[in-house]
N, C-alpha and C. Protein backbone atom coordinates (compact mmCIF):
# COMPACT_ATOMS: atom_id res chain seq x y z
N UNK A 1 -4.91 -3.97 -8.14
CA UNK A 1 -3.95 -2.85 -8.23
C UNK A 1 -3.06 -3.01 -6.99
N UNK A 2 -1.77 -2.93 -7.18
CA UNK A 2 -0.80 -3.05 -6.06
C UNK A 2 -0.26 -1.62 -5.77
N UNK A 3 -0.42 -1.29 -4.47
CA UNK A 3 0.22 -0.01 -4.00
C UNK A 3 1.37 -0.43 -3.11
N UNK A 4 2.48 0.11 -3.37
CA UNK A 4 3.72 -0.29 -2.63
C UNK A 4 4.25 0.87 -1.89
N UNK A 5 4.41 0.66 -0.54
CA UNK A 5 4.92 1.70 0.35
C UNK A 5 3.91 2.04 1.44
N UNK A 6 4.36 2.01 2.69
CA UNK A 6 3.50 2.21 3.81
C UNK A 6 3.49 3.66 4.35
N UNK A 7 4.07 4.56 3.65
CA UNK A 7 4.03 5.95 4.07
C UNK A 7 2.75 6.62 3.77
N UNK A 8 2.71 7.93 4.08
CA UNK A 8 1.45 8.73 3.87
C UNK A 8 0.94 8.64 2.45
N UNK A 9 1.86 8.70 1.47
CA UNK A 9 1.44 8.69 0.09
C UNK A 9 0.84 7.32 -0.29
N UNK A 10 1.52 6.23 0.15
CA UNK A 10 0.98 4.91 -0.13
C UNK A 10 -0.40 4.71 0.44
N UNK A 11 -0.59 5.11 1.73
CA UNK A 11 -1.85 5.01 2.41
C UNK A 11 -2.91 5.76 1.67
N UNK A 12 -2.54 7.05 1.31
CA UNK A 12 -3.55 7.83 0.55
C UNK A 12 -3.91 7.25 -0.82
N UNK A 13 -2.97 6.77 -1.51
CA UNK A 13 -3.26 6.17 -2.84
C UNK A 13 -4.15 4.96 -2.64
N UNK A 14 -3.81 4.08 -1.72
CA UNK A 14 -4.63 2.88 -1.57
C UNK A 14 -6.06 3.22 -1.18
N UNK A 15 -6.21 4.16 -0.23
CA UNK A 15 -7.55 4.55 0.21
C UNK A 15 -8.36 5.23 -0.90
N UNK A 16 -7.67 6.07 -1.65
CA UNK A 16 -8.39 6.74 -2.80
C UNK A 16 -8.72 5.87 -3.95
N UNK A 17 -7.84 4.91 -4.24
CA UNK A 17 -8.15 3.96 -5.30
C UNK A 17 -9.37 3.09 -4.85
N UNK A 18 -9.39 2.64 -3.62
CA UNK A 18 -10.47 1.77 -3.13
C UNK A 18 -11.80 2.53 -3.18
N UNK A 19 -11.76 3.86 -2.82
CA UNK A 19 -12.96 4.65 -2.80
C UNK A 19 -13.46 4.93 -4.22
N UNK A 20 -12.56 5.28 -5.08
CA UNK A 20 -12.89 5.61 -6.45
C UNK A 20 -13.23 4.48 -7.35
N UNK A 21 -12.64 3.34 -7.07
CA UNK A 21 -12.82 2.12 -7.93
C UNK A 21 -13.18 0.93 -7.05
N UNK A 22 -14.30 0.92 -6.47
CA UNK A 22 -14.70 -0.20 -5.54
C UNK A 22 -14.74 -1.59 -6.27
N UNK A 23 -14.84 -1.56 -7.57
CA UNK A 23 -14.90 -2.85 -8.34
C UNK A 23 -13.50 -3.44 -8.48
N UNK A 24 -12.44 -2.68 -8.24
CA UNK A 24 -11.11 -3.18 -8.33
C UNK A 24 -10.57 -3.73 -7.03
N UNK A 25 -9.71 -4.68 -7.10
CA UNK A 25 -9.02 -5.25 -5.94
C UNK A 25 -7.78 -4.49 -5.65
N UNK A 26 -7.78 -3.78 -4.50
CA UNK A 26 -6.59 -2.92 -4.15
C UNK A 26 -5.81 -3.64 -3.09
N UNK A 27 -4.49 -3.88 -3.33
CA UNK A 27 -3.58 -4.56 -2.42
C UNK A 27 -2.52 -3.54 -1.98
N UNK A 28 -2.28 -3.38 -0.65
CA UNK A 28 -1.37 -2.40 -0.18
C UNK A 28 -0.18 -3.23 0.49
N UNK A 29 1.00 -3.07 -0.04
CA UNK A 29 2.22 -3.75 0.48
C UNK A 29 3.09 -2.77 1.22
N UNK A 30 3.52 -3.14 2.39
CA UNK A 30 4.41 -2.28 3.20
C UNK A 30 5.32 -3.13 4.02
N UNK A 31 6.50 -2.61 4.42
CA UNK A 31 7.56 -3.45 5.00
C UNK A 31 7.42 -3.65 6.49
N UNK A 32 6.60 -2.82 7.15
CA UNK A 32 6.46 -2.99 8.61
C UNK A 32 5.17 -3.73 8.93
N UNK A 33 4.85 -3.83 10.23
CA UNK A 33 3.65 -4.59 10.66
C UNK A 33 2.41 -3.75 10.41
N UNK A 34 2.50 -2.45 10.38
CA UNK A 34 1.39 -1.54 10.06
C UNK A 34 1.92 -0.40 9.15
N UNK A 35 1.04 0.25 8.40
CA UNK A 35 1.46 1.39 7.60
C UNK A 35 1.78 2.56 8.54
N UNK A 36 2.38 3.58 8.00
CA UNK A 36 2.72 4.86 8.67
C UNK A 36 3.79 4.69 9.76
N UNK A 37 4.90 4.17 9.42
CA UNK A 37 5.96 4.10 10.46
C UNK A 37 6.27 5.48 10.99
N UNK A 38 6.51 5.58 12.25
CA UNK A 38 6.88 6.83 12.86
C UNK A 38 5.66 7.62 13.40
N UNK A 39 4.45 7.22 13.00
CA UNK A 39 3.25 7.86 13.49
C UNK A 39 2.87 7.21 14.82
N UNK A 40 2.01 7.92 15.59
CA UNK A 40 1.56 7.43 16.88
C UNK A 40 0.79 6.13 16.68
N UNK A 41 0.92 5.15 17.56
CA UNK A 41 0.27 3.86 17.37
C UNK A 41 -1.20 3.95 17.19
N UNK A 42 -1.90 4.91 17.84
CA UNK A 42 -3.35 5.03 17.67
C UNK A 42 -3.66 5.46 16.22
N UNK A 43 -2.89 6.31 15.68
CA UNK A 43 -3.11 6.74 14.27
C UNK A 43 -2.86 5.57 13.34
N UNK A 44 -1.78 4.80 13.59
CA UNK A 44 -1.56 3.70 12.81
C UNK A 44 -2.68 2.63 12.80
N UNK A 45 -3.22 2.39 14.01
CA UNK A 45 -4.36 1.48 14.15
C UNK A 45 -5.58 1.92 13.42
N UNK A 46 -5.88 3.28 13.57
CA UNK A 46 -7.04 3.85 12.96
C UNK A 46 -6.92 3.80 11.41
N UNK A 47 -5.80 4.09 10.91
CA UNK A 47 -5.55 4.05 9.45
C UNK A 47 -5.67 2.63 8.91
N UNK A 48 -5.13 1.69 9.67
CA UNK A 48 -5.22 0.28 9.27
C UNK A 48 -6.70 -0.15 9.19
N UNK A 49 -7.46 0.26 10.17
CA UNK A 49 -8.87 -0.07 10.18
C UNK A 49 -9.66 0.59 9.08
N UNK A 50 -9.28 1.84 8.75
CA UNK A 50 -9.92 2.62 7.69
C UNK A 50 -9.66 1.89 6.36
N UNK A 51 -8.45 1.47 6.08
CA UNK A 51 -8.09 0.79 4.88
C UNK A 51 -8.82 -0.52 4.76
N UNK A 52 -8.89 -1.27 5.86
CA UNK A 52 -9.59 -2.55 5.86
C UNK A 52 -11.07 -2.36 5.58
N UNK A 53 -11.66 -1.37 6.22
CA UNK A 53 -13.13 -1.05 5.97
C UNK A 53 -13.37 -0.65 4.49
N UNK A 54 -12.41 0.01 3.91
CA UNK A 54 -12.52 0.37 2.50
C UNK A 54 -12.28 -0.74 1.53
N UNK A 55 -11.96 -1.92 2.05
CA UNK A 55 -11.76 -3.06 1.22
C UNK A 55 -10.33 -3.31 0.71
N UNK A 56 -9.40 -2.50 1.18
CA UNK A 56 -8.01 -2.68 0.81
C UNK A 56 -7.45 -3.91 1.47
N UNK A 57 -6.78 -4.77 0.68
CA UNK A 57 -6.13 -5.94 1.25
C UNK A 57 -4.79 -5.58 1.65
N UNK A 58 -4.46 -5.71 2.95
CA UNK A 58 -3.17 -5.32 3.46
C UNK A 58 -2.20 -6.42 3.47
N UNK A 59 -0.92 -6.15 3.14
CA UNK A 59 0.12 -7.15 3.08
C UNK A 59 1.28 -6.56 3.88
N UNK A 60 1.26 -6.66 5.23
CA UNK A 60 2.39 -6.19 6.00
C UNK A 60 3.62 -7.01 5.88
N UNK A 61 4.74 -6.45 6.19
CA UNK A 61 6.03 -7.11 6.18
C UNK A 61 6.39 -7.72 4.81
N UNK A 62 6.05 -6.95 3.75
CA UNK A 62 6.38 -7.29 2.40
C UNK A 62 7.27 -6.15 1.83
N UNK A 63 8.37 -6.52 1.22
CA UNK A 63 9.20 -5.58 0.53
C UNK A 63 9.21 -5.88 -0.97
N UNK A 64 9.15 -4.88 -1.77
CA UNK A 64 9.21 -5.04 -3.26
C UNK A 64 10.66 -5.34 -3.58
N UNK A 65 10.87 -6.26 -4.51
CA UNK A 65 12.17 -6.53 -5.06
C UNK A 65 12.28 -5.93 -6.41
N UNK A 66 13.11 -4.88 -6.58
CA UNK A 66 13.22 -4.21 -7.86
C UNK A 66 14.12 -4.94 -8.77
N UNK A 67 13.67 -5.28 -9.96
CA UNK A 67 14.52 -5.97 -10.90
C UNK A 67 15.82 -5.22 -11.22
N UNK A 68 16.87 -5.97 -11.41
CA UNK A 68 18.19 -5.35 -11.75
C UNK A 68 18.01 -4.42 -12.97
N UNK A 69 18.54 -3.26 -12.85
CA UNK A 69 18.53 -2.32 -13.94
C UNK A 69 17.30 -1.42 -14.02
N UNK A 70 16.21 -1.77 -13.26
CA UNK A 70 15.00 -0.95 -13.29
C UNK A 70 15.18 0.25 -12.38
N UNK A 71 14.96 1.43 -12.88
CA UNK A 71 15.20 2.68 -12.16
C UNK A 71 13.99 3.19 -11.46
N UNK A 72 12.89 2.48 -11.51
CA UNK A 72 11.57 2.94 -10.85
C UNK A 72 11.21 4.33 -11.38
N UNK A 73 11.39 4.44 -12.68
CA UNK A 73 11.13 5.75 -13.34
C UNK A 73 9.90 5.68 -14.27
N UNK A 74 9.13 4.60 -14.18
CA UNK A 74 7.92 4.51 -15.03
C UNK A 74 6.97 3.46 -14.38
N UNK A 75 5.74 3.62 -14.73
CA UNK A 75 4.69 2.61 -14.30
C UNK A 75 4.76 1.44 -15.25
N UNK A 76 4.54 0.21 -14.70
CA UNK A 76 4.54 -0.93 -15.62
C UNK A 76 3.38 -1.81 -15.23
N UNK A 77 3.13 -2.83 -16.05
CA UNK A 77 2.14 -3.89 -15.79
C UNK A 77 2.83 -5.18 -15.38
N UNK A 78 4.12 -5.09 -15.23
CA UNK A 78 4.89 -6.29 -14.88
C UNK A 78 4.61 -6.72 -13.42
N UNK A 79 4.74 -7.99 -13.08
CA UNK A 79 4.58 -8.46 -11.68
C UNK A 79 5.61 -7.92 -10.76
N UNK A 80 5.19 -7.75 -9.49
CA UNK A 80 6.15 -7.31 -8.48
C UNK A 80 6.41 -8.51 -7.56
N UNK A 81 7.68 -8.77 -7.26
CA UNK A 81 8.12 -9.84 -6.34
C UNK A 81 8.17 -9.31 -4.95
């Protein structure tokens, strides 16, 4: 399962998916070096460690490339670049 976005919602979704479905491989993609931009560095470090302990595979410095014409208005099973 790919979770895209390093804000509070993305972090929450990644953590909750990993907790609820430990049999699934959860990957969290975000554009900065750590999730939660704008938060205190200690918070960012703690959240990063929490996600790692939960089994979430972190992918820092990755941005999703939205296909031309896609309005991000639905969930898909298509690959994300």
